[in-house]
Amino acid sequence: MGLHRRNDLRPDEGGRRAHPRRLQVKPDIATEIVGERASNTGVVLFSTVVFAVVAGLVMLAFKFASPAGINLTAIIIAVVIASLATLSVHIAEQWEKVVVLRLGKFDRVAGPGLFFTIPVIESPTIRIDSRVRVTTFGAEETLTSDLVPLYVDAVLFWMVYDAKAACTEVGDFTRAVEMAAQTALRDAIGRGEVAQVAIRRDQLDRELKQALEDKASEWGVTILSVEVRDIVLPEKLQDAMSLEAQAEQRKKARIILMEAEQDIEEMLSETGRGYAENEEALRLRAMHLLYESIRETGGTVVVPSSFSEGFGDVLPKDAADALGKIAK
């Protein structure tokens, strides 16, 4: 994720002069779900077995109970009874919730596992996938509050927690969630300046999540998280923002350097006042600096005679005379 370059202009069909693209919001077609689909392999196999077993039992009963044995009438009756049995026995996968209507009215939410319905009177209307879903959405050339077009891509994590509301409150809850996410993204971008949108991604994520939760909760949908994946600025604007960021960093570096100089000046002033009030401390400090320089370098210090006289009041008399002789 990050800021990327993208040209502001798109050439027209005839290769003539480029023109700016219109303001629009487009869904990611790859993430659109058409209806709710279940895994049909096990369900179809189970229905086939139920149909075959019931039909076989009915024809076996006709064979032993009817003098005519198995005839066309017996076969038709067996097919009808087997079909009704197949329509009344259902299987929902572990991640599925099935909305059951009775004479057109909501009756219950069935599943997962085996459940039964009354043929003709009850019908399993829709199978809801209750797993976490991932939907990508984006906004092209959405204007910020300072009239800067942005390209923003985001990803939405959500799931259905109330199958009844998802079935009865909205026609296509998947499409509704996608459109609500795109609208919320456009509104959030339009309320802020380009710098705020580009830098404060966490705040944008929270705003989108809150806006979607307020709207999608009526549809039995819960929003787990919203994450902005990419924010694309126009090339010219990105160059200008880069220069602005560099200038801001230089300003911060100079301020830090000035603050360090002020701290050093205060420390030196305080130290100077201490040495000014105590000459002996100043002389001892000079001796300490001399000792440190000799110890670190391992060299020899030649002390002028006038300098050795300055140690007379802090060194023993013999040491002062020795320094004086060495200097001479």
C-alpha atoms as a PDB file:
ATOM      1  CA  MET A   1       0.000   0.000   0.000  1.00  0.00           C
ATOM      2  CA  GLY A   2       1.144   3.493  -0.611  1.00  0.00           C
ATOM      3  CA  LEU A   3       0.981   6.488  -2.805  1.00  0.00           C
ATOM      4  CA  HIS A   4       1.494   5.748  -6.484  1.00  0.00           C
ATOM      5  CA  ARG A   5       1.642   7.793  -9.613  1.00  0.00           C
ATOM      6  CA  ARG A   6      -1.153   7.836 -12.120  1.00  0.00           C
ATOM      7  CA  ASN A   7      -1.680  10.160 -15.036  1.00  0.00           C
ATOM      8  CA  ASP A   8      -4.585  12.583 -14.851  1.00  0.00           C
ATOM      9  CA  LEU A   9      -5.488  12.285 -18.521  1.00  0.00           C
ATOM     10  CA  ARG A  10      -6.726   9.463 -20.692  1.00  0.00           C
ATOM     11  CA  PRO A  11      -6.499   9.509 -24.531  1.00  0.00           C
ATOM     12  CA  ASP A  12      -9.788   9.316 -26.394  1.00  0.00           C
ATOM     13  CA  GLU A  13     -10.665   6.618 -28.923  1.00  0.00           C
ATOM     14  CA  GLY A  14      -9.198   8.447 -31.924  1.00  0.00           C
ATOM     15  CA  GLY A  15      -5.861   9.069 -30.247  1.00  0.00           C
ATOM     16  CA  ARG A  16      -6.556  12.774 -30.143  1.00  0.00           C
ATOM     17  CA  ARG A  17      -5.938  15.128 -27.283  1.00  0.00           C
ATOM     18  CA  ALA A  18      -6.297  13.565 -23.857  1.00  0.00           C
ATOM     19  CA  HIS A  19      -9.142  14.643 -21.636  1.00  0.00           C
ATOM     20  CA  PRO A  20      -9.794  14.199 -17.905  1.00  0.00           C
ATOM     21  CA  ARG A  21     -11.889  11.273 -16.774  1.00  0.00           C
ATOM     22  CA  ARG A  22     -15.290  11.899 -15.299  1.00  0.00           C
ATOM     23  CA  LEU A  23     -16.077  11.502 -11.624  1.00  0.00           C
ATOM     24  CA  GLN A  24     -17.269   7.947 -11.031  1.00  0.00           C
ATOM     25  CA  VAL A  25     -17.273   5.115  -8.516  1.00  0.00           C
ATOM     26  CA  LYS A  26     -16.920   1.588  -9.840  1.00  0.00           C
ATOM     27  CA  PRO A  27     -17.266  -1.739  -8.033  1.00  0.00           C
ATOM     28  CA  ASP A  28     -14.771  -4.518  -8.419  1.00  0.00           C
ATOM     29  CA  ILE A  29     -16.603  -6.993 -10.633  1.00  0.00           C
ATOM     30  CA  ALA A  30     -14.436  -9.895  -9.448  1.00  0.00           C
ATOM     31  CA  THR A  31     -15.904  -9.693  -5.945  1.00  0.00           C
ATOM     32  CA  GLU A  32     -19.573  -9.430  -6.865  1.00  0.00           C
ATOM     33  CA  ILE A  33     -21.616 -12.462  -5.830  1.00  0.00           C
ATOM     34  CA  VAL A  34     -24.677 -13.349  -7.910  1.00  0.00           C
ATOM     35  CA  GLY A  35     -27.103 -14.983  -5.473  1.00  0.00           C
ATOM     36  CA  GLU A  36     -26.259 -17.319  -2.643  1.00  0.00           C
ATOM     37  CA  ARG A  37     -24.865 -20.661  -3.711  1.00  0.00           C
ATOM     38  CA  ALA A  38     -24.147 -23.729  -1.668  1.00  0.00           C
ATOM     39  CA  SER A  39     -21.866 -26.663  -2.313  1.00  0.00           C
ATOM     40  CA  ASN A  40     -24.199 -28.890  -4.360  1.00  0.00           C
ATOM     41  CA  THR A  41     -22.266 -32.153  -4.538  1.00  0.00           C
ATOM     42  CA  GLY A  42     -23.383 -33.631  -1.229  1.00  0.00           C
ATOM     43  CA  VAL A  43     -26.886 -32.194  -1.452  1.00  0.00           C
ATOM     44  CA  VAL A  44     -27.540 -33.618  -4.935  1.00  0.00           C
ATOM     45  CA  LEU A  45     -26.154 -37.019  -3.933  1.00  0.00           C
ATOM     46  CA  PHE A  46     -28.320 -37.111  -0.810  1.00  0.00           C
ATOM     47  CA  SER A  47     -31.454 -36.130  -2.761  1.00  0.00           C
ATOM     48  CA  THR A  48     -30.748 -38.799  -5.363  1.00  0.00           C
ATOM     49  CA  VAL A  49     -30.352 -41.471  -2.707  1.00  0.00           C
ATOM     50  CA  VAL A  50     -33.573 -40.396  -0.956  1.00  0.00           C
ATOM     51  CA  PHE A  51     -35.480 -40.474  -4.240  1.00  0.00           C
ATOM     52  CA  ALA A  52     -34.154 -43.890  -5.187  1.00  0.00           C
ATOM     53  CA  VAL A  53     -34.757 -45.448  -1.778  1.00  0.00           C
ATOM     54  CA  VAL A  54     -38.315 -44.125  -1.438  1.00  0.00           C
ATOM     55  CA  ALA A  55     -39.228 -45.108  -5.007  1.00  0.00           C
ATOM     56  CA  GLY A  56     -37.805 -48.569  -4.484  1.00  0.00           C
ATOM     57  CA  LEU A  57     -39.695 -49.080  -1.234  1.00  0.00           C
ATOM     58  CA  VAL A  58     -42.979 -47.957  -2.800  1.00  0.00           C
ATOM     59  CA  MET A  59     -42.603 -50.277  -5.779  1.00  0.00           C
ATOM     60  CA  LEU A  60     -41.575 -53.126  -3.471  1.00  0.00           C
ATOM     61  CA  ALA A  61     -44.736 -52.526  -1.458  1.00  0.00           C
ATOM     62  CA  PHE A  62     -46.869 -52.646  -4.626  1.00  0.00           C
ATOM     63  CA  LYS A  63     -45.172 -55.870  -5.648  1.00  0.00           C
ATOM     64  CA  PHE A  64     -46.182 -57.699  -2.488  1.00  0.00           C
ATOM     65  CA  ALA A  65     -49.479 -55.923  -1.736  1.00  0.00           C
ATOM     66  CA  SER A  66     -51.055 -55.654  -5.186  1.00  0.00           C
ATOM     67  CA  PRO A  67     -52.070 -58.697  -7.262  1.00  0.00           C
ATOM     68  CA  ALA A  68     -51.155 -56.833 -10.422  1.00  0.00           C
ATOM     69  CA  GLY A  69     -47.619 -56.318  -9.201  1.00  0.00           C
ATOM     70  CA  ILE A  70     -45.527 -53.448 -10.551  1.00  0.00           C
ATOM     71  CA  ASN A  71     -47.319 -51.688 -13.376  1.00  0.00           C
ATOM     72  CA  LEU A  72     -47.408 -48.167 -14.830  1.00  0.00           C
ATOM     73  CA  THR A  73     -49.691 -46.917 -12.066  1.00  0.00           C
ATOM     74  CA  ALA A  74     -47.326 -48.230  -9.398  1.00  0.00           C
ATOM     75  CA  ILE A  75     -44.374 -46.559 -11.096  1.00  0.00           C
ATOM     76  CA  ILE A  76     -46.194 -43.186 -11.294  1.00  0.00           C
ATOM     77  CA  ILE A  77     -47.229 -43.379  -7.641  1.00  0.00           C
ATOM     78  CA  ALA A  78     -43.694 -44.337  -6.611  1.00  0.00           C
ATOM     79  CA  VAL A  79     -42.220 -41.374  -8.536  1.00  0.00           C
ATOM     80  CA  VAL A  80     -44.722 -38.941  -6.974  1.00  0.00           C
ATOM     81  CA  ILE A  81     -44.118 -40.186  -3.428  1.00  0.00           C
ATOM     82  CA  ALA A  82     -40.351 -40.211  -3.942  1.00  0.00           C
ATOM     83  CA  SER A  83     -40.459 -36.647  -5.292  1.00  0.00           C
ATOM     84  CA  LEU A  84     -42.446 -35.441  -2.271  1.00  0.00           C
ATOM     85  CA  ALA A  85     -40.012 -37.172   0.070  1.00  0.00           C
ATOM     86  CA  THR A  86     -37.089 -35.583  -1.723  1.00  0.00           C
ATOM     87  CA  LEU A  87     -38.707 -32.148  -1.446  1.00  0.00           C
ATOM     88  CA  SER A  88     -39.252 -32.565   2.293  1.00  0.00           C
ATOM     89  CA  VAL A  89     -35.742 -33.664   3.285  1.00  0.00           C
ATOM     90  CA  HIS A  90     -32.852 -31.191   3.014  1.00  0.00           C
ATOM     91  CA  ILE A  91     -29.230 -30.769   4.050  1.00  0.00           C
ATOM     92  CA  ALA A  92     -27.524 -27.476   4.833  1.00  0.00           C
ATOM     93  CA  GLU A  93     -23.750 -27.271   4.962  1.00  0.00           C
ATOM     94  CA  GLN A  94     -21.981 -26.258   8.163  1.00  0.00           C
ATOM     95  CA  TRP A  95     -21.575 -22.649   7.011  1.00  0.00           C
ATOM     96  CA  GLU A  96     -25.122 -22.286   5.659  1.00  0.00           C
ATOM     97  CA  LYS A  97     -28.358 -20.901   7.064  1.00  0.00           C
ATOM     98  CA  VAL A  98     -31.550 -21.680   5.125  1.00  0.00           C
ATOM     99  CA  VAL A  99     -34.559 -19.374   5.293  1.00  0.00           C
ATOM    100  CA  VAL A 100     -37.804 -21.413   5.250  1.00  0.00           C
ATOM    101  CA  LEU A 101     -41.103 -19.804   4.223  1.00  0.00           C
ATOM    102  CA  ARG A 102     -44.531 -21.274   4.929  1.00  0.00           C
ATOM    103  CA  LEU A 103     -47.168 -20.197   2.437  1.00  0.00           C
ATOM    104  CA  GLY A 104     -45.077 -17.151   1.569  1.00  0.00           C
ATOM    105  CA  LYS A 105     -44.466 -16.034   5.180  1.00  0.00           C
ATOM    106  CA  PHE A 106     -41.297 -16.368   7.170  1.00  0.00           C
ATOM    107  CA  ASP A 107     -41.376 -19.476   9.347  1.00  0.00           C
ATOM    108  CA  ARG A 108     -37.851 -20.269  10.559  1.00  0.00           C
ATOM    109  CA  VAL A 109     -34.146 -20.380   9.832  1.00  0.00           C
ATOM    110  CA  ALA A 110     -32.928 -23.960   9.434  1.00  0.00           C
ATOM    111  CA  GLY A 111     -29.504 -25.548   9.362  1.00  0.00           C
ATOM    112  CA  PRO A 112     -26.802 -26.491   9.408  1.00  0.00           C
ATOM    113  CA  GLY A 113     -27.352 -30.215   8.984  1.00  0.00           C
ATOM    114  CA  LEU A 114     -30.482 -32.196   8.206  1.00  0.00           C
ATOM    115  CA  PHE A 115     -33.894 -30.482   8.307  1.00  0.00           C
ATOM    116  CA  PHE A 116     -37.378 -31.212   7.018  1.00  0.00           C
ATOM    117  CA  THR A 117     -40.064 -29.144   5.308  1.00  0.00           C
ATOM    118  CA  ILE A 118     -43.688 -29.814   4.389  1.00  0.00           C
ATOM    119  CA  PRO A 119     -43.868 -30.237   0.610  1.00  0.00           C
ATOM    120  CA  VAL A 120     -45.796 -27.535  -1.270  1.00  0.00           C
ATOM    121  CA  ILE A 121     -46.634 -25.683   1.992  1.00  0.00           C
ATOM    122  CA  GLU A 122     -43.064 -24.901   3.059  1.00  0.00           C
ATOM    123  CA  SER A 123     -40.128 -24.023   0.863  1.00  0.00           C
ATOM    124  CA  PRO A 124     -36.422 -23.307   1.530  1.00  0.00           C
ATOM    125  CA  THR A 125     -36.138 -19.882  -0.096  1.00  0.00           C
ATOM    126  CA  ILE A 126     -32.488 -18.896   0.138  1.00  0.00           C
ATOM    127  CA  ARG A 127     -29.263 -20.350   1.465  1.00  0.00           C
ATOM    128  CA  ILE A 128     -27.133 -17.792   3.299  1.00  0.00           C
ATOM    129  CA  ASP A 129     -23.371 -18.253   3.577  1.00  0.00           C
ATOM    130  CA  SER A 130     -22.488 -17.227   7.150  1.00  0.00           C
ATOM    131  CA  ARG A 131     -18.709 -17.222   6.646  1.00  0.00           C
ATOM    132  CA  VAL A 132     -16.592 -14.086   6.564  1.00  0.00           C
ATOM    133  CA  ARG A 133     -16.626 -12.432   3.155  1.00  0.00           C
ATOM    134  CA  VAL A 134     -14.066 -10.180   1.505  1.00  0.00           C
ATOM    135  CA  THR A 135     -15.227  -7.442  -0.856  1.00  0.00           C
ATOM    136  CA  THR A 136     -12.915  -5.020  -2.628  1.00  0.00           C
ATOM    137  CA  PHE A 137     -14.240  -1.651  -3.697  1.00  0.00           C
ATOM    138  CA  GLY A 138     -12.798   1.653  -4.824  1.00  0.00           C
ATOM    139  CA  ALA A 139     -13.452   5.218  -5.888  1.00  0.00           C
ATOM    140  CA  GLU A 140     -12.019   6.857  -8.995  1.00  0.00           C
ATOM    141  CA  GLU A 141     -11.378  10.602  -9.152  1.00  0.00           C
ATOM    142  CA  THR A 142     -13.317  11.326  -5.978  1.00  0.00           C
ATOM    143  CA  LEU A 143     -12.826  14.965  -4.985  1.00  0.00           C
ATOM    144  CA  THR A 144     -11.539  15.897  -1.543  1.00  0.00           C
ATOM    145  CA  SER A 145     -12.654  19.026   0.314  1.00  0.00           C
ATOM    146  CA  ASP A 146      -9.814  20.977  -1.362  1.00  0.00           C
ATOM    147  CA  LEU A 147     -10.938  19.728  -4.822  1.00  0.00           C
ATOM    148  CA  VAL A 148      -8.154  17.212  -5.429  1.00  0.00           C
ATOM    149  CA  PRO A 149      -9.125  14.009  -7.313  1.00  0.00           C
ATOM    150  CA  LEU A 150      -8.047  10.806  -5.564  1.00  0.00           C
ATOM    151  CA  TYR A 151      -8.059   7.140  -6.542  1.00  0.00           C
ATOM    152  CA  VAL A 152      -8.735   4.996  -3.481  1.00  0.00           C
ATOM    153  CA  ASP A 153      -8.950   1.195  -3.209  1.00  0.00           C
ATOM    154  CA  ALA A 154     -10.214  -0.525  -0.054  1.00  0.00           C
ATOM    155  CA  VAL A 155     -11.195  -3.983   1.174  1.00  0.00           C
ATOM    156  CA  LEU A 156     -14.202  -4.830   3.336  1.00  0.00           C
ATOM    157  CA  PHE A 157     -14.513  -7.818   5.696  1.00  0.00           C
ATOM    158  CA  TRP A 158     -18.115  -8.648   6.627  1.00  0.00           C
ATOM    159  CA  MET A 159     -20.497 -11.492   7.370  1.00  0.00           C
ATOM    160  CA  VAL A 160     -24.225 -12.212   7.707  1.00  0.00           C
ATOM    161  CA  TYR A 161     -25.334 -12.784  11.306  1.00  0.00           C
ATOM    162  CA  ASP A 162     -29.131 -12.575  10.806  1.00  0.00           C
ATOM    163  CA  ALA A 163     -30.348 -14.654   7.855  1.00  0.00           C
ATOM    164  CA  LYS A 164     -33.943 -13.523   8.320  1.00  0.00           C
ATOM    165  CA  ALA A 165     -33.108  -9.824   7.969  1.00  0.00           C
ATOM    166  CA  ALA A 166     -30.778 -10.494   5.026  1.00  0.00           C
ATOM    167  CA  CYS A 167     -33.612 -12.291   3.231  1.00  0.00           C
ATOM    168  CA  THR A 168     -36.612 -10.112   4.119  1.00  0.00           C
ATOM    169  CA  GLU A 169     -35.222  -6.584   4.612  1.00  0.00           C
ATOM    170  CA  VAL A 170     -33.229  -6.101   1.405  1.00  0.00           C
ATOM    171  CA  GLY A 171     -33.477  -7.499  -2.084  1.00  0.00           C
ATOM    172  CA  ASP A 172     -29.775  -8.233  -2.697  1.00  0.00           C
ATOM    173  CA  PHE A 173     -27.782  -7.675   0.481  1.00  0.00           C
ATOM    174  CA  THR A 174     -24.455  -8.401  -1.214  1.00  0.00           C
ATOM    175  CA  ARG A 175     -24.965  -5.672  -3.780  1.00  0.00           C
ATOM    176  CA  ALA A 176     -26.354  -3.367  -1.107  1.00  0.00           C
ATOM    177  CA  VAL A 177     -23.228  -3.775   1.030  1.00  0.00           C
ATOM    178  CA  GLU A 178     -20.979  -3.039  -1.947  1.00  0.00           C
ATOM    179  CA  MET A 179     -22.867   0.109  -2.911  1.00  0.00           C
ATOM    180  CA  ALA A 180     -23.023   1.306   0.692  1.00  0.00           C
ATOM    181  CA  ALA A 181     -19.269   0.806   1.040  1.00  0.00           C
ATOM    182  CA  GLN A 182     -18.547   2.805  -2.103  1.00  0.00           C
ATOM    183  CA  THR A 183     -20.871   5.616  -1.042  1.00  0.00           C
ATOM    184  CA  ALA A 184     -19.333   5.769   2.439  1.00  0.00           C
ATOM    185  CA  LEU A 185     -15.836   5.875   0.932  1.00  0.00           C
ATOM    186  CA  ARG A 186     -16.778   8.735  -1.384  1.00  0.00           C
ATOM    187  CA  ASP A 187     -18.366  10.711   1.464  1.00  0.00           C
ATOM    188  CA  ALA A 188     -15.370  10.167   3.767  1.00  0.00           C
ATOM    189  CA  ILE A 189     -12.948  11.371   1.089  1.00  0.00           C
ATOM    190  CA  GLY A 190     -15.069  14.428   0.348  1.00  0.00           C
ATOM    191  CA  ARG A 191     -15.057  15.547   3.992  1.00  0.00           C
ATOM    192  CA  GLY A 192     -11.257  15.749   4.329  1.00  0.00           C
ATOM    193  CA  GLU A 193      -8.328  17.415   2.643  1.00  0.00           C
ATOM    194  CA  VAL A 194      -5.945  15.436   0.498  1.00  0.00           C
ATOM    195  CA  ALA A 195      -3.188  15.455   3.145  1.00  0.00           C
ATOM    196  CA  GLN A 196      -5.557  14.134   5.795  1.00  0.00           C
ATOM    197  CA  VAL A 197      -6.856  11.365   3.553  1.00  0.00           C
ATOM    198  CA  ALA A 198      -3.353  10.294   2.465  1.00  0.00           C
ATOM    199  CA  ILE A 199      -1.768  10.328   5.927  1.00  0.00           C
ATOM    200  CA  ARG A 200      -4.561   9.384   8.338  1.00  0.00           C
ATOM    201  CA  ARG A 201      -5.569   6.030   6.935  1.00  0.00           C
ATOM    202  CA  ASP A 202      -6.522   4.590  10.310  1.00  0.00           C
ATOM    203  CA  GLN A 203      -8.996   7.386  10.857  1.00  0.00           C
ATOM    204  CA  LEU A 204     -10.481   6.812   7.389  1.00  0.00           C
ATOM    205  CA  ASP A 205     -10.837   3.089   8.151  1.00  0.00           C
ATOM    206  CA  ARG A 206     -12.711   3.830  11.378  1.00  0.00           C
ATOM    207  CA  GLU A 207     -15.032   6.322   9.694  1.00  0.00           C
ATOM    208  CA  LEU A 208     -15.910   3.842   6.948  1.00  0.00           C
ATOM    209  CA  LYS A 209     -16.520   1.025   9.426  1.00  0.00           C
ATOM    210  CA  GLN A 210     -18.798   3.173  11.581  1.00  0.00           C
ATOM    211  CA  ALA A 211     -20.804   4.428   8.602  1.00  0.00           C
ATOM    212  CA  LEU A 212     -21.273   0.926   7.211  1.00  0.00           C
ATOM    213  CA  GLU A 213     -22.213  -0.572  10.581  1.00  0.00           C
ATOM    214  CA  ASP A 214     -25.018   1.944  11.037  1.00  0.00           C
ATOM    215  CA  LYS A 215     -26.492   1.095   7.648  1.00  0.00           C
ATOM    216  CA  ALA A 216     -25.780  -2.634   7.265  1.00  0.00           C
ATOM    217  CA  SER A 217     -27.051  -3.643  10.709  1.00  0.00           C
ATOM    218  CA  GLU A 218     -30.619  -3.306   9.403  1.00  0.00           C
ATOM    219  CA  TRP A 219     -29.840  -5.977   6.794  1.00  0.00           C
ATOM    220  CA  GLY A 220     -28.522  -8.542   9.271  1.00  0.00           C
ATOM    221  CA  VAL A 221     -24.934  -7.836   8.214  1.00  0.00           C
ATOM    222  CA  THR A 222     -22.048  -7.094  10.562  1.00  0.00           C
ATOM    223  CA  ILE A 223     -18.953  -5.202   9.411  1.00  0.00           C
ATOM    224  CA  LEU A 224     -15.760  -6.734  10.793  1.00  0.00           C
ATOM    225  CA  SER A 225     -13.218  -4.273   9.408  1.00  0.00           C
ATOM    226  CA  VAL A 226     -12.501  -1.876   6.571  1.00  0.00           C
ATOM    227  CA  GLU A 227      -8.951  -1.385   5.321  1.00  0.00           C
ATOM    228  CA  VAL A 228      -7.760   1.145   2.761  1.00  0.00           C
ATOM    229  CA  ARG A 229      -5.292  -0.644   0.488  1.00  0.00           C
ATOM    230  CA  ASP A 230      -4.125   2.072  -1.853  1.00  0.00           C
ATOM    231  CA  ILE A 231      -4.365   5.828  -2.283  1.00  0.00           C
ATOM    232  CA  VAL A 232      -3.250   7.162  -5.653  1.00  0.00           C
ATOM    233  CA  LEU A 233      -2.489  10.845  -6.171  1.00  0.00           C
ATOM    234  CA  PRO A 234      -2.062  12.675  -9.495  1.00  0.00           C
ATOM    235  CA  GLU A 235       1.573  12.845 -10.574  1.00  0.00           C
ATOM    236  CA  LYS A 236       1.929  16.626 -10.327  1.00  0.00           C
ATOM    237  CA  LEU A 237       0.331  16.754  -6.898  1.00  0.00           C
ATOM    238  CA  GLN A 238       2.526  13.937  -5.633  1.00  0.00           C
ATOM    239  CA  ASP A 239       5.678  15.827  -6.673  1.00  0.00           C
ATOM    240  CA  ALA A 240       4.451  18.953  -4.896  1.00  0.00           C
ATOM    241  CA  MET A 241       3.643  17.027  -1.725  1.00  0.00           C
ATOM    242  CA  SER A 242       7.087  15.417  -1.831  1.00  0.00           C
ATOM    243  CA  LEU A 243       8.776  18.817  -1.926  1.00  0.00           C
ATOM    244  CA  GLU A 244       6.560  20.008   0.898  1.00  0.00           C
ATOM    245  CA  ALA A 245       7.472  16.977   3.000  1.00  0.00           C
ATOM    246  CA  GLN A 246      11.185  17.522   2.382  1.00  0.00           C
ATOM    247  CA  ALA A 247      10.905  21.164   3.431  1.00  0.00           C
ATOM    248  CA  GLU A 248       9.051  20.148   6.574  1.00  0.00           C
ATOM    249  CA  GLN A 249      11.780  17.658   7.485  1.00  0.00           C
ATOM    250  CA  ARG A 250      14.495  20.296   7.002  1.00  0.00           C
ATOM    251  CA  LYS A 251      12.524  22.660   9.232  1.00  0.00           C
ATOM    252  CA  LYS A 252      12.275  20.031  11.970  1.00  0.00           C
ATOM    253  CA  ALA A 253      16.013  19.269  11.718  1.00  0.00           C
ATOM    254  CA  ARG A 254      16.921  22.948  12.127  1.00  0.00           C
ATOM    255  CA  ILE A 255      14.592  23.333  15.094  1.00  0.00           C
ATOM    256  CA  ILE A 256      16.139  20.316  16.792  1.00  0.00           C
ATOM    257  CA  LEU A 257      19.646  21.690  16.151  1.00  0.00           C
ATOM    258  CA  MET A 258      18.691  25.075  17.630  1.00  0.00           C
ATOM    259  CA  GLU A 259      17.219  23.413  20.702  1.00  0.00           C
ATOM    260  CA  ALA A 260      20.436  21.420  21.149  1.00  0.00           C
ATOM    261  CA  GLU A 261      22.497  24.617  20.883  1.00  0.00           C
ATOM    262  CA  GLN A 262      20.325  26.267  23.538  1.00  0.00           C
ATOM    263  CA  ASP A 263      20.825  23.322  25.889  1.00  0.00           C
ATOM    264  CA  ILE A 264      24.598  23.417  25.350  1.00  0.00           C
ATOM    265  CA  GLU A 265      24.679  27.179  25.927  1.00  0.00           C
ATOM    266  CA  GLU A 266      22.770  26.826  29.202  1.00  0.00           C
ATOM    267  CA  MET A 267      25.090  24.071  30.407  1.00  0.00           C
ATOM    268  CA  LEU A 268      28.208  26.029  29.488  1.00  0.00           C
ATOM    269  CA  SER A 269      26.872  29.170  31.169  1.00  0.00           C
ATOM    270  CA  GLU A 270      26.144  27.264  34.365  1.00  0.00           C
ATOM    271  CA  THR A 271      29.564  25.588  34.291  1.00  0.00           C
ATOM    272  CA  GLY A 272      31.312  28.906  33.624  1.00  0.00           C
ATOM    273  CA  ARG A 273      29.616  30.529  36.593  1.00  0.00           C
ATOM    274  CA  GLY A 274      30.762  27.662  38.805  1.00  0.00           C
ATOM    275  CA  TYR A 275      34.367  27.957  37.705  1.00  0.00           C
ATOM    276  CA  ALA A 276      34.290  31.758  38.002  1.00  0.00           C
ATOM    277  CA  GLU A 277      33.365  31.470  41.669  1.00  0.00           C
ATOM    278  CA  ASN A 278      36.024  28.832  42.427  1.00  0.00           C
ATOM    279  CA  GLU A 279      39.476  29.349  40.891  1.00  0.00           C
ATOM    280  CA  GLU A 280      40.865  26.204  42.494  1.00  0.00           C
ATOM    281  CA  ALA A 281      38.209  24.116  40.719  1.00  0.00           C
ATOM    282  CA  LEU A 282      39.200  25.731  37.424  1.00  0.00           C
ATOM    283  CA  ARG A 283      42.846  24.845  37.993  1.00  0.00           C
ATOM    284  CA  LEU A 284      41.998  21.295  38.943  1.00  0.00           C
ATOM    285  CA  ARG A 285      39.927  21.042  35.788  1.00  0.00           C
ATOM    286  CA  ALA A 286      42.891  22.200  33.738  1.00  0.00           C
ATOM    287  CA  MET A 287      45.066  19.558  35.351  1.00  0.00           C
ATOM    288  CA  HIS A 288      42.433  16.915  34.672  1.00  0.00           C
ATOM    289  CA  LEU A 289      42.252  17.885  30.985  1.00  0.00           C
ATOM    290  CA  LEU A 290      46.041  17.711  30.799  1.00  0.00           C
ATOM    291  CA  TYR A 291      46.043  14.263  32.378  1.00  0.00           C
ATOM    292  CA  GLU A 292      43.318  12.991  30.053  1.00  0.00           C
ATOM    293  CA  SER A 293      45.160  14.172  26.961  1.00  0.00           C
ATOM    294  CA  ILE A 294      48.366  12.424  28.073  1.00  0.00           C
ATOM    295  CA  ARG A 295      46.584   9.210  28.987  1.00  0.00           C
ATOM    296  CA  GLU A 296      44.653   8.929  25.731  1.00  0.00           C
ATOM    297  CA  THR A 297      47.505   9.749  23.382  1.00  0.00           C
ATOM    298  CA  GLY A 298      50.429   8.412  25.402  1.00  0.00           C
ATOM    299  CA  GLY A 299      52.428  11.483  24.439  1.00  0.00           C
ATOM    300  CA  THR A 300      54.486  14.081  26.329  1.00  0.00           C
ATOM    301  CA  VAL A 301      53.354  17.556  27.243  1.00  0.00           C
ATOM    302  CA  VAL A 302      55.893  20.394  27.291  1.00  0.00           C
ATOM    303  CA  VAL A 303      54.796  22.951  29.866  1.00  0.00           C
ATOM    304  CA  PRO A 304      56.158  26.521  29.566  1.00  0.00           C
ATOM    305  CA  SER A 305      57.812  27.978  32.650  1.00  0.00           C
ATOM    306  CA  SER A 306      55.117  30.598  33.084  1.00  0.00           C
ATOM    307  CA  PHE A 307      52.445  27.857  32.950  1.00  0.00           C
ATOM    308  CA  SER A 308      54.251  25.743  35.568  1.00  0.00           C
ATOM    309  CA  GLU A 309      54.203  28.657  37.938  1.00  0.00           C
ATOM    310  CA  GLY A 310      50.416  28.499  37.866  1.00  0.00           C
ATOM    311  CA  PHE A 311      50.534  25.083  39.529  1.00  0.00           C
ATOM    312  CA  GLY A 312      52.515  26.345  42.485  1.00  0.00           C
ATOM    313  CA  ASP A 313      49.541  26.848  44.727  1.00  0.00           C
ATOM    314  CA  VAL A 314      47.954  23.430  43.969  1.00  0.00           C
ATOM    315  CA  LEU A 315      51.107  21.237  43.677  1.00  0.00           C
ATOM    316  CA  PRO A 316      53.663  20.411  46.323  1.00  0.00           C
ATOM    317  CA  LYS A 317      56.706  22.645  46.257  1.00  0.00           C
ATOM    318  CA  ASP A 318      59.002  19.877  45.028  1.00  0.00           C
ATOM    319  CA  ALA A 319      56.637  19.054  42.129  1.00  0.00           C
ATOM    320  CA  ALA A 320      56.394  22.704  41.139  1.00  0.00           C
ATOM    321  CA  ASP A 321      60.194  23.077  41.154  1.00  0.00           C
ATOM    322  CA  ALA A 322      60.485  19.928  39.048  1.00  0.00           C
ATOM    323  CA  LEU A 323      58.064  21.282  36.455  1.00  0.00           C
ATOM    324  CA  GLY A 324      59.956  24.532  36.396  1.00  0.00           C
ATOM    325  CA  LYS A 325      63.282  22.781  35.796  1.00  0.00           C
ATOM    326  CA  ILE A 326      61.783  20.631  33.042  1.00  0.00           C
ATOM    327  CA  ALA A 327      60.366  23.649  31.345  1.00  0.00           C
ATOM    328  CA  LYS A 328      63.746  25.450  31.488  1.00  0.00           C
END
